[in-house]
């Protein structure tokens, strides 16, 4: 018979994994966090959770879920596509009646506003499955209407992805993700984690990035237009903009002139504001963001 030694009165996570046969699946990008001291620390990075709905993606056996609830989250809405994990999450739900809501679903298919409805402000706190982490982030950054349905994100990524998110111009890591994230949010790395923090240990280090949405991103272009501009510019990042932007407009030099950008510059040299300025000019000229 097990002895409940967790601070929440639940069994240790290693015991939970053994009981339910929850070996991490590489196909689902699973790397579990089992140290409740660590998951509680991650939960605290999201600030006061006592009046918040917290969205968690891929809770697995519930290490971060338990950390969030121990730290006082008003309600946790967890999205888990691995049915094997549901019994372990049900045990946590029984320990915290009415505070944990588990949805067996693929996070990429969720309509977040419909799922959460009106009510308490929502934060996203998650150890994201590495395989879909960037795609999920882009979906959240491109949310409409803006400001979005969440007011903060605290997300785990591979260290390389985290560095791309916060990268500055004139660096190799600076790219489309940097521009989108920094135009619509204030993003910063708030914690680094070595591979041994996870079970099983991944081959790479990880980092947690905090995002705080900017209510009115400036310049106020359409997000889809900005996505098109950055795709064209960084798709051929070694070329001068007067060449790389030809796929975007037949008159790239006119666009660059109106934006006050020298045509000889390259994508990695431009600021976030300069990219948004070009997107706004395209919007004002009637070029479709979906073209």
C-alpha atoms as a PDB file:
ATOM      1  CA  UNK A   1       0.000   0.000   0.000  1.00  0.00           C
ATOM      2  CA  UNK A   2       1.418   3.369  -1.000  1.00  0.00           C
ATOM      3  CA  UNK A   3       2.102   6.148   1.441  1.00  0.00           C
ATOM      4  CA  UNK A   4       0.947   9.581   0.234  1.00  0.00           C
ATOM      5  CA  UNK A   5       3.916  11.844   0.799  1.00  0.00           C
ATOM      6  CA  UNK A   6       3.178  14.666  -1.644  1.00  0.00           C
ATOM      7  CA  UNK A   7       2.411  18.128  -0.236  1.00  0.00           C
ATOM      8  CA  UNK A   8      -1.077  17.710  -1.724  1.00  0.00           C
ATOM      9  CA  UNK A   9      -1.682  14.320  -0.100  1.00  0.00           C
ATOM     10  CA  UNK A  10      -1.279  12.467  -3.399  1.00  0.00           C
ATOM     11  CA  UNK A  11       1.274   9.747  -4.200  1.00  0.00           C
ATOM     12  CA  UNK A  12       4.697  10.621  -5.618  1.00  0.00           C
ATOM     13  CA  UNK A  13       4.624  11.064  -9.384  1.00  0.00           C
ATOM     14  CA  UNK A  14       7.018   8.189 -10.044  1.00  0.00           C
ATOM     15  CA  UNK A  15       4.585   5.921  -8.257  1.00  0.00           C
ATOM     16  CA  UNK A  16       1.697   7.312 -10.298  1.00  0.00           C
ATOM     17  CA  UNK A  17       3.607   6.604 -13.520  1.00  0.00           C
ATOM     18  CA  UNK A  18       4.325   3.040 -12.440  1.00  0.00           C
ATOM     19  CA  UNK A  19       0.747   2.404 -11.299  1.00  0.00           C
ATOM     20  CA  UNK A  20      -0.787   3.514 -14.594  1.00  0.00           C
ATOM     21  CA  UNK A  21       2.005   2.427 -16.938  1.00  0.00           C
ATOM     22  CA  UNK A  22       2.683   5.948 -18.165  1.00  0.00           C
ATOM     23  CA  UNK A  23       5.981   5.546 -19.963  1.00  0.00           C
ATOM     24  CA  UNK A  24       6.577   8.710 -21.964  1.00  0.00           C
ATOM     25  CA  UNK A  25       5.791   8.400 -25.669  1.00  0.00           C
ATOM     26  CA  UNK A  26       8.325   9.909 -28.035  1.00  0.00           C
ATOM     27  CA  UNK A  27       5.619  10.154 -30.720  1.00  0.00           C
ATOM     28  CA  UNK A  28       3.700  12.591 -28.496  1.00  0.00           C
ATOM     29  CA  UNK A  29       6.777  14.601 -27.545  1.00  0.00           C
ATOM     30  CA  UNK A  30       6.345  13.630 -23.901  1.00  0.00           C
ATOM     31  CA  UNK A  31       8.980  14.532 -21.301  1.00  0.00           C
ATOM     32  CA  UNK A  32       7.504  14.569 -17.807  1.00  0.00           C
ATOM     33  CA  UNK A  33       8.334  16.905 -14.933  1.00  0.00           C
ATOM     34  CA  UNK A  34       8.205  14.864 -11.729  1.00  0.00           C
ATOM     35  CA  UNK A  35       9.731  17.211  -9.150  1.00  0.00           C
ATOM     36  CA  UNK A  36       6.850  19.018  -7.429  1.00  0.00           C
ATOM     37  CA  UNK A  37       9.241  21.603  -6.023  1.00  0.00           C
ATOM     38  CA  UNK A  38      10.161  22.479  -9.605  1.00  0.00           C
ATOM     39  CA  UNK A  39       6.597  22.455 -10.937  1.00  0.00           C
ATOM     40  CA  UNK A  40       5.475  24.672  -8.064  1.00  0.00           C
ATOM     41  CA  UNK A  41       8.279  27.092  -8.940  1.00  0.00           C
ATOM     42  CA  UNK A  42       7.075  27.162 -12.549  1.00  0.00           C
ATOM     43  CA  UNK A  43       3.516  27.797 -11.355  1.00  0.00           C
ATOM     44  CA  UNK A  44       4.706  30.749  -9.280  1.00  0.00           C
ATOM     45  CA  UNK A  45       6.232  32.309 -12.410  1.00  0.00           C
ATOM     46  CA  UNK A  46       2.663  32.919 -13.589  1.00  0.00           C
ATOM     47  CA  UNK A  47       1.904  35.161 -10.608  1.00  0.00           C
ATOM     48  CA  UNK A  48      -1.159  35.040  -8.356  1.00  0.00           C
ATOM     49  CA  UNK A  49      -3.405  32.262  -9.661  1.00  0.00           C
ATOM     50  CA  UNK A  50      -6.125  32.501  -7.023  1.00  0.00           C
ATOM     51  CA  UNK A  51      -8.605  34.203  -9.355  1.00  0.00           C
ATOM     52  CA  UNK A  52      -7.425  32.702 -12.617  1.00  0.00           C
ATOM     53  CA  UNK A  53      -8.339  29.983 -15.045  1.00  0.00           C
ATOM     54  CA  UNK A  54      -5.117  28.244 -16.065  1.00  0.00           C
ATOM     55  CA  UNK A  55      -4.942  26.429 -19.390  1.00  0.00           C
ATOM     56  CA  UNK A  56      -2.459  23.559 -19.457  1.00  0.00           C
ATOM     57  CA  UNK A  57      -1.495  21.551 -22.538  1.00  0.00           C
ATOM     58  CA  UNK A  58      -0.302  17.949 -22.252  1.00  0.00           C
ATOM     59  CA  UNK A  59      -0.381  17.494 -18.464  1.00  0.00           C
ATOM     60  CA  UNK A  60       0.667  13.834 -18.691  1.00  0.00           C
ATOM     61  CA  UNK A  61       0.686  12.311 -15.193  1.00  0.00           C
ATOM     62  CA  UNK A  62      -0.022  15.750 -13.710  1.00  0.00           C
ATOM     63  CA  UNK A  63       3.264  17.080 -12.355  1.00  0.00           C
ATOM     64  CA  UNK A  64       2.690  20.680 -13.417  1.00  0.00           C
ATOM     65  CA  UNK A  65      -1.061  20.309 -12.840  1.00  0.00           C
ATOM     66  CA  UNK A  66      -0.427  19.496  -9.201  1.00  0.00           C
ATOM     67  CA  UNK A  67       2.048  22.360  -8.929  1.00  0.00           C
ATOM     68  CA  UNK A  68      -0.559  24.795 -10.245  1.00  0.00           C
ATOM     69  CA  UNK A  69      -3.231  23.569  -7.860  1.00  0.00           C
ATOM     70  CA  UNK A  70      -0.918  23.514  -4.847  1.00  0.00           C
ATOM     71  CA  UNK A  71      -0.025  27.128  -5.659  1.00  0.00           C
ATOM     72  CA  UNK A  72      -3.679  28.096  -5.543  1.00  0.00           C
ATOM     73  CA  UNK A  73      -4.979  28.113  -9.132  1.00  0.00           C
ATOM     74  CA  UNK A  74      -8.709  28.814  -9.079  1.00  0.00           C
ATOM     75  CA  UNK A  75      -9.318  26.349 -11.915  1.00  0.00           C
ATOM     76  CA  UNK A  76      -7.095  24.371 -14.276  1.00  0.00           C
ATOM     77  CA  UNK A  77      -8.389  23.437 -17.730  1.00  0.00           C
ATOM     78  CA  UNK A  78      -6.136  20.681 -19.043  1.00  0.00           C
ATOM     79  CA  UNK A  79      -6.023  19.391 -22.621  1.00  0.00           C
ATOM     80  CA  UNK A  80      -4.644  15.851 -22.916  1.00  0.00           C
ATOM     81  CA  UNK A  81      -4.729  13.699 -26.070  1.00  0.00           C
ATOM     82  CA  UNK A  82      -3.116  10.644 -24.430  1.00  0.00           C
ATOM     83  CA  UNK A  83      -5.977   8.626 -22.936  1.00  0.00           C
ATOM     84  CA  UNK A  84      -3.528   6.653 -20.772  1.00  0.00           C
ATOM     85  CA  UNK A  85      -3.062   9.743 -18.598  1.00  0.00           C
ATOM     86  CA  UNK A  86      -6.740  10.297 -17.833  1.00  0.00           C
ATOM     87  CA  UNK A  87      -6.954   7.998 -14.750  1.00  0.00           C
ATOM     88  CA  UNK A  88      -3.982   9.775 -13.120  1.00  0.00           C
ATOM     89  CA  UNK A  89      -5.581  13.149 -13.838  1.00  0.00           C
ATOM     90  CA  UNK A  90      -8.896  11.854 -12.438  1.00  0.00           C
ATOM     91  CA  UNK A  91      -7.133  11.163  -9.127  1.00  0.00           C
ATOM     92  CA  UNK A  92      -5.986  14.796  -9.014  1.00  0.00           C
ATOM     93  CA  UNK A  93      -9.474  15.987  -9.900  1.00  0.00           C
ATOM     94  CA  UNK A  94     -10.910  13.978  -7.002  1.00  0.00           C
ATOM     95  CA  UNK A  95      -8.415  15.628  -4.652  1.00  0.00           C
ATOM     96  CA  UNK A  96      -9.407  19.106  -5.915  1.00  0.00           C
ATOM     97  CA  UNK A  97     -13.185  18.933  -6.516  1.00  0.00           C
ATOM     98  CA  UNK A  98     -14.369  21.440  -9.100  1.00  0.00           C
ATOM     99  CA  UNK A  99     -10.880  22.844  -9.737  1.00  0.00           C
ATOM    100  CA  UNK A 100      -9.544  20.543 -12.469  1.00  0.00           C
ATOM    101  CA  UNK A 101     -11.300  20.143 -15.809  1.00  0.00           C
ATOM    102  CA  UNK A 102      -9.728  17.642 -18.202  1.00  0.00           C
ATOM    103  CA  UNK A 103     -10.567  17.571 -21.908  1.00  0.00           C
ATOM    104  CA  UNK A 104      -9.369  14.594 -23.996  1.00  0.00           C
ATOM    105  CA  UNK A 105      -8.533  16.514 -27.165  1.00  0.00           C
ATOM    106  CA  UNK A 106      -5.819  17.729 -29.499  1.00  0.00           C
ATOM    107  CA  UNK A 107      -4.845  21.259 -28.449  1.00  0.00           C
ATOM    108  CA  UNK A 108      -4.454  22.282 -32.102  1.00  0.00           C
ATOM    109  CA  UNK A 109      -8.178  21.706 -32.648  1.00  0.00           C
ATOM    110  CA  UNK A 110      -9.552  23.564 -29.612  1.00  0.00           C
ATOM    111  CA  UNK A 111     -11.753  26.653 -29.926  1.00  0.00           C
ATOM    112  CA  UNK A 112     -10.456  28.393 -26.822  1.00  0.00           C
ATOM    113  CA  UNK A 113     -13.064  31.118 -26.467  1.00  0.00           C
ATOM    114  CA  UNK A 114     -15.867  28.594 -26.790  1.00  0.00           C
ATOM    115  CA  UNK A 115     -14.229  26.183 -24.348  1.00  0.00           C
ATOM    116  CA  UNK A 116     -13.490  28.738 -21.647  1.00  0.00           C
ATOM    117  CA  UNK A 117     -16.478  31.033 -22.087  1.00  0.00           C
ATOM    118  CA  UNK A 118     -16.745  34.300 -20.207  1.00  0.00           C
ATOM    119  CA  UNK A 119     -15.489  34.634 -16.685  1.00  0.00           C
ATOM    120  CA  UNK A 120     -12.186  34.767 -14.895  1.00  0.00           C
ATOM    121  CA  UNK A 121      -9.112  35.877 -16.847  1.00  0.00           C
ATOM    122  CA  UNK A 122      -7.150  32.996 -18.345  1.00  0.00           C
ATOM    123  CA  UNK A 123      -3.435  32.277 -18.325  1.00  0.00           C
ATOM    124  CA  UNK A 124      -1.644  29.543 -20.278  1.00  0.00           C
ATOM    125  CA  UNK A 125       0.966  27.649 -18.276  1.00  0.00           C
ATOM    126  CA  UNK A 126       2.342  24.559 -19.950  1.00  0.00           C
ATOM    127  CA  UNK A 127       5.225  22.219 -20.592  1.00  0.00           C
ATOM    128  CA  UNK A 128       4.387  22.064 -24.286  1.00  0.00           C
ATOM    129  CA  UNK A 129       4.883  18.896 -26.333  1.00  0.00           C
ATOM    130  CA  UNK A 130       7.987  19.807 -28.316  1.00  0.00           C
ATOM    131  CA  UNK A 131       6.608  18.625 -31.651  1.00  0.00           C
ATOM    132  CA  UNK A 132       3.749  21.152 -31.704  1.00  0.00           C
ATOM    133  CA  UNK A 133       5.101  23.870 -29.410  1.00  0.00           C
ATOM    134  CA  UNK A 134       5.897  26.426 -32.123  1.00  0.00           C
ATOM    135  CA  UNK A 135       2.634  25.775 -33.968  1.00  0.00           C
ATOM    136  CA  UNK A 136       0.597  26.238 -30.787  1.00  0.00           C
ATOM    137  CA  UNK A 137       2.469  29.447 -30.004  1.00  0.00           C
ATOM    138  CA  UNK A 138       1.841  30.908 -33.456  1.00  0.00           C
ATOM    139  CA  UNK A 139      -1.861  30.053 -33.165  1.00  0.00           C
ATOM    140  CA  UNK A 140      -2.047  31.911 -29.845  1.00  0.00           C
ATOM    141  CA  UNK A 141      -0.034  34.876 -31.146  1.00  0.00           C
ATOM    142  CA  UNK A 142      -2.302  35.166 -34.193  1.00  0.00           C
ATOM    143  CA  UNK A 143      -5.488  35.024 -32.085  1.00  0.00           C
ATOM    144  CA  UNK A 144      -8.291  37.346 -33.137  1.00  0.00           C
ATOM    145  CA  UNK A 145      -9.782  39.517 -31.842  1.00  0.00           C
ATOM    146  CA  UNK A 146      -6.845  41.109 -30.029  1.00  0.00           C
ATOM    147  CA  UNK A 147      -6.246  41.564 -27.067  1.00  0.00           C
ATOM    148  CA  UNK A 148      -6.575  37.774 -26.832  1.00  0.00           C
ATOM    149  CA  UNK A 149      -8.504  35.486 -24.494  1.00  0.00           C
ATOM    150  CA  UNK A 150      -5.417  35.048 -22.298  1.00  0.00           C
ATOM    151  CA  UNK A 151      -3.519  37.705 -20.376  1.00  0.00           C
ATOM    152  CA  UNK A 152      -0.277  35.802 -19.830  1.00  0.00           C
ATOM    153  CA  UNK A 153       1.554  32.743 -21.132  1.00  0.00           C
ATOM    154  CA  UNK A 154       4.295  30.867 -19.303  1.00  0.00           C
ATOM    155  CA  UNK A 155       5.484  28.205 -21.716  1.00  0.00           C
ATOM    156  CA  UNK A 156       8.249  25.599 -21.887  1.00  0.00           C
ATOM    157  CA  UNK A 157      10.206  25.186 -25.123  1.00  0.00           C
ATOM    158  CA  UNK A 158      13.420  23.658 -26.328  1.00  0.00           C
ATOM    159  CA  UNK A 159      16.119  26.176 -25.489  1.00  0.00           C
ATOM    160  CA  UNK A 160      16.786  26.802 -29.190  1.00  0.00           C
ATOM    161  CA  UNK A 161      13.139  27.766 -29.805  1.00  0.00           C
ATOM    162  CA  UNK A 162      13.075  30.003 -26.723  1.00  0.00           C
ATOM    163  CA  UNK A 163      16.154  31.823 -27.995  1.00  0.00           C
ATOM    164  CA  UNK A 164      14.475  32.371 -31.370  1.00  0.00           C
ATOM    165  CA  UNK A 165      11.441  33.896 -29.658  1.00  0.00           C
ATOM    166  CA  UNK A 166      13.461  36.545 -27.794  1.00  0.00           C
ATOM    167  CA  UNK A 167      16.215  37.023 -30.399  1.00  0.00           C
ATOM    168  CA  UNK A 168      17.202  40.525 -31.441  1.00  0.00           C
ATOM    169  CA  UNK A 169      18.001  41.827 -34.938  1.00  0.00           C
ATOM    170  CA  UNK A 170      21.416  41.014 -36.438  1.00  0.00           C
ATOM    171  CA  UNK A 171      21.506  37.602 -34.759  1.00  0.00           C
ATOM    172  CA  UNK A 172      21.215  34.177 -36.416  1.00  0.00           C
ATOM    173  CA  UNK A 173      18.292  33.236 -34.175  1.00  0.00           C
ATOM    174  CA  UNK A 174      16.230  36.288 -35.209  1.00  0.00           C
ATOM    175  CA  UNK A 175      13.402  35.349 -37.536  1.00  0.00           C
ATOM    176  CA  UNK A 176       9.666  35.159 -38.169  1.00  0.00           C
ATOM    177  CA  UNK A 177       8.864  33.854 -34.678  1.00  0.00           C
ATOM    178  CA  UNK A 178      10.892  36.648 -33.077  1.00  0.00           C
ATOM    179  CA  UNK A 179       9.002  39.334 -34.983  1.00  0.00           C
ATOM    180  CA  UNK A 180       5.523  37.966 -34.347  1.00  0.00           C
ATOM    181  CA  UNK A 181       6.143  37.282 -30.650  1.00  0.00           C
ATOM    182  CA  UNK A 182       7.765  40.652 -29.979  1.00  0.00           C
ATOM    183  CA  UNK A 183       5.195  42.655 -31.956  1.00  0.00           C
ATOM    184  CA  UNK A 184       2.216  41.276 -30.042  1.00  0.00           C
ATOM    185  CA  UNK A 185       3.763  40.486 -26.640  1.00  0.00           C
ATOM    186  CA  UNK A 186       6.548  41.296 -24.253  1.00  0.00           C
ATOM    187  CA  UNK A 187       8.516  38.051 -24.214  1.00  0.00           C
ATOM    188  CA  UNK A 188      11.408  37.044 -21.970  1.00  0.00           C
ATOM    189  CA  UNK A 189      13.142  33.865 -20.840  1.00  0.00           C
ATOM    190  CA  UNK A 190      12.441  33.387 -17.128  1.00  0.00           C
ATOM    191  CA  UNK A 191      13.958  29.968 -16.388  1.00  0.00           C
ATOM    192  CA  UNK A 192      16.375  27.469 -17.920  1.00  0.00           C
ATOM    193  CA  UNK A 193      16.085  23.739 -17.320  1.00  0.00           C
ATOM    194  CA  UNK A 194      18.686  21.032 -17.967  1.00  0.00           C
ATOM    195  CA  UNK A 195      17.705  17.715 -19.604  1.00  0.00           C
ATOM    196  CA  UNK A 196      17.909  15.870 -16.276  1.00  0.00           C
ATOM    197  CA  UNK A 197      14.947  17.863 -14.951  1.00  0.00           C
ATOM    198  CA  UNK A 198      12.726  15.633 -17.118  1.00  0.00           C
ATOM    199  CA  UNK A 199      11.776  11.975 -17.320  1.00  0.00           C
ATOM    200  CA  UNK A 200      13.006  10.746 -19.721  1.00  0.00           C
ATOM    201  CA  UNK A 201      15.717  13.382 -20.214  1.00  0.00           C
ATOM    202  CA  UNK A 202      15.498  14.973 -23.676  1.00  0.00           C
ATOM    203  CA  UNK A 203      18.647  15.455 -25.732  1.00  0.00           C
ATOM    204  CA  UNK A 204      18.383  19.236 -25.469  1.00  0.00           C
ATOM    205  CA  UNK A 205      18.096  21.864 -22.765  1.00  0.00           C
ATOM    206  CA  UNK A 206      14.802  23.663 -22.213  1.00  0.00           C
ATOM    207  CA  UNK A 207      13.707  27.148 -21.259  1.00  0.00           C
ATOM    208  CA  UNK A 208      10.532  28.814 -20.033  1.00  0.00           C
ATOM    209  CA  UNK A 209       9.341  31.969 -21.770  1.00  0.00           C
ATOM    210  CA  UNK A 210       6.861  34.423 -20.278  1.00  0.00           C
ATOM    211  CA  UNK A 211       4.625  36.351 -22.683  1.00  0.00           C
ATOM    212  CA  UNK A 212       2.535  39.367 -21.721  1.00  0.00           C
ATOM    213  CA  UNK A 213       0.226  40.552 -24.521  1.00  0.00           C
ATOM    214  CA  UNK A 214       0.589  44.129 -25.748  1.00  0.00           C
ATOM    215  CA  UNK A 215      -2.927  45.589 -25.859  1.00  0.00           C
ATOM    216  CA  UNK A 216      -2.302  47.665 -29.004  1.00  0.00           C
ATOM    217  CA  UNK A 217       0.695  46.453 -31.026  1.00  0.00           C
ATOM    218  CA  UNK A 218       2.375  49.214 -33.030  1.00  0.00           C
ATOM    219  CA  UNK A 219       2.334  49.781 -35.948  1.00  0.00           C
ATOM    220  CA  UNK A 220      -1.233  48.465 -36.098  1.00  0.00           C
ATOM    221  CA  UNK A 221      -1.017  46.166 -39.113  1.00  0.00           C
ATOM    222  CA  UNK A 222      -2.962  42.962 -39.706  1.00  0.00           C
ATOM    223  CA  UNK A 223      -1.267  39.947 -38.172  1.00  0.00           C
ATOM    224  CA  UNK A 224      -1.741  37.850 -41.323  1.00  0.00           C
ATOM    225  CA  UNK A 225      -0.083  40.562 -43.413  1.00  0.00           C
ATOM    226  CA  UNK A 226       2.852  40.655 -41.014  1.00  0.00           C
ATOM    227  CA  UNK A 227       3.114  36.880 -41.353  1.00  0.00           C
ATOM    228  CA  UNK A 228       3.315  37.233 -45.144  1.00  0.00           C
ATOM    229  CA  UNK A 229       5.968  39.948 -44.947  1.00  0.00           C
ATOM    230  CA  UNK A 230       8.177  37.968 -42.587  1.00  0.00           C
ATOM    231  CA  UNK A 231       7.711  34.765 -44.599  1.00  0.00           C
ATOM    232  CA  UNK A 232       8.920  36.510 -47.753  1.00  0.00           C
ATOM    233  CA  UNK A 233      11.799  38.328 -46.063  1.00  0.00           C
ATOM    234  CA  UNK A 234      13.158  35.455 -43.987  1.00  0.00           C
ATOM    235  CA  UNK A 235      12.420  32.845 -46.645  1.00  0.00           C
ATOM    236  CA  UNK A 236      15.462  34.219 -48.455  1.00  0.00           C
ATOM    237  CA  UNK A 237      17.206  35.869 -45.547  1.00  0.00           C
ATOM    238  CA  UNK A 238      20.592  36.107 -47.247  1.00  0.00           C
ATOM    239  CA  UNK A 239      19.168  38.177 -50.091  1.00  0.00           C
ATOM    240  CA  UNK A 240      18.652  41.912 -50.059  1.00  0.00           C
ATOM    241  CA  UNK A 241      15.068  42.931 -49.354  1.00  0.00           C
ATOM    242  CA  UNK A 242      14.590  44.332 -52.844  1.00  0.00           C
ATOM    243  CA  UNK A 243      14.978  40.740 -54.064  1.00  0.00           C
ATOM    244  CA  UNK A 244      13.376  38.699 -51.284  1.00  0.00           C
ATOM    245  CA  UNK A 245      10.200  40.811 -51.242  1.00  0.00           C
ATOM    246  CA  UNK A 246       9.470  40.288 -54.965  1.00  0.00           C
ATOM    247  CA  UNK A 247       7.214  37.352 -54.095  1.00  0.00           C
ATOM    248  CA  UNK A 248       5.187  39.754 -51.933  1.00  0.00           C
ATOM    249  CA  UNK A 249       4.800  42.677 -54.326  1.00  0.00           C
ATOM    250  CA  UNK A 250       5.872  43.439 -57.900  1.00  0.00           C
ATOM    251  CA  UNK A 251       7.264  46.750 -56.640  1.00  0.00           C
ATOM    252  CA  UNK A 252       9.377  45.900 -53.566  1.00  0.00           C
ATOM    253  CA  UNK A 253      11.536  49.018 -53.862  1.00  0.00           C
ATOM    254  CA  UNK A 254       8.452  51.247 -53.739  1.00  0.00           C
ATOM    255  CA  UNK A 255       7.253  49.458 -50.590  1.00  0.00           C
ATOM    256  CA  UNK A 256      10.684  49.818 -49.005  1.00  0.00           C
ATOM    257  CA  UNK A 257      10.905  53.492 -49.949  1.00  0.00           C
ATOM    258  CA  UNK A 258       7.505  54.222 -48.358  1.00  0.00           C
ATOM    259  CA  UNK A 259       8.616  52.356 -45.222  1.00  0.00           C
ATOM    260  CA  UNK A 260      11.897  54.280 -45.075  1.00  0.00           C
ATOM    261  CA  UNK A 261      13.979  51.120 -45.429  1.00  0.00           C
ATOM    262  CA  UNK A 262      17.058  50.876 -47.636  1.00  0.00           C
ATOM    263  CA  UNK A 263      16.521  48.188 -50.321  1.00  0.00           C
ATOM    264  CA  UNK A 264      20.032  46.782 -49.737  1.00  0.00           C
ATOM    265  CA  UNK A 265      19.214  45.701 -46.186  1.00  0.00           C
ATOM    266  CA  UNK A 266      18.504  42.082 -45.274  1.00  0.00           C
ATOM    267  CA  UNK A 267      15.700  40.612 -43.173  1.00  0.00           C
ATOM    268  CA  UNK A 268      17.801  39.957 -40.083  1.00  0.00           C
ATOM    269  CA  UNK A 269      18.774  43.655 -39.923  1.00  0.00           C
ATOM    270  CA  UNK A 270      15.213  44.993 -39.599  1.00  0.00           C
ATOM    271  CA  UNK A 271      13.511  45.842 -36.337  1.00  0.00           C
ATOM    272  CA  UNK A 272      10.104  44.452 -35.387  1.00  0.00           C
ATOM    273  CA  UNK A 273       8.643  47.914 -35.943  1.00  0.00           C
ATOM    274  CA  UNK A 274      10.043  48.102 -39.469  1.00  0.00           C
ATOM    275  CA  UNK A 275       8.448  44.784 -40.410  1.00  0.00           C
ATOM    276  CA  UNK A 276       5.111  45.948 -39.005  1.00  0.00           C
ATOM    277  CA  UNK A 277       5.454  49.259 -40.858  1.00  0.00           C
ATOM    278  CA  UNK A 278       5.778  47.423 -44.173  1.00  0.00           C
ATOM    279  CA  UNK A 279       2.771  45.265 -43.327  1.00  0.00           C
ATOM    280  CA  UNK A 280       0.713  48.346 -42.485  1.00  0.00           C
ATOM    281  CA  UNK A 281       1.615  49.971 -45.808  1.00  0.00           C
ATOM    282  CA  UNK A 282       0.438  46.825 -47.604  1.00  0.00           C
ATOM    283  CA  UNK A 283      -2.799  46.888 -45.599  1.00  0.00           C
ATOM    284  CA  UNK A 284      -3.403  50.515 -46.487  1.00  0.00           C
ATOM    285  CA  UNK A 285      -2.718  49.804 -50.164  1.00  0.00           C
ATOM    286  CA  UNK A 286      -5.447  47.181 -50.178  1.00  0.00           C
ATOM    287  CA  UNK A 287      -3.205  44.134 -50.598  1.00  0.00           C
ATOM    288  CA  UNK A 288      -5.038  41.144 -49.105  1.00  0.00           C
ATOM    289  CA  UNK A 289      -3.467  39.491 -46.095  1.00  0.00           C
ATOM    290  CA  UNK A 290      -4.626  36.162 -47.493  1.00  0.00           C
ATOM    291  CA  UNK A 291      -3.141  36.693 -50.958  1.00  0.00           C
END
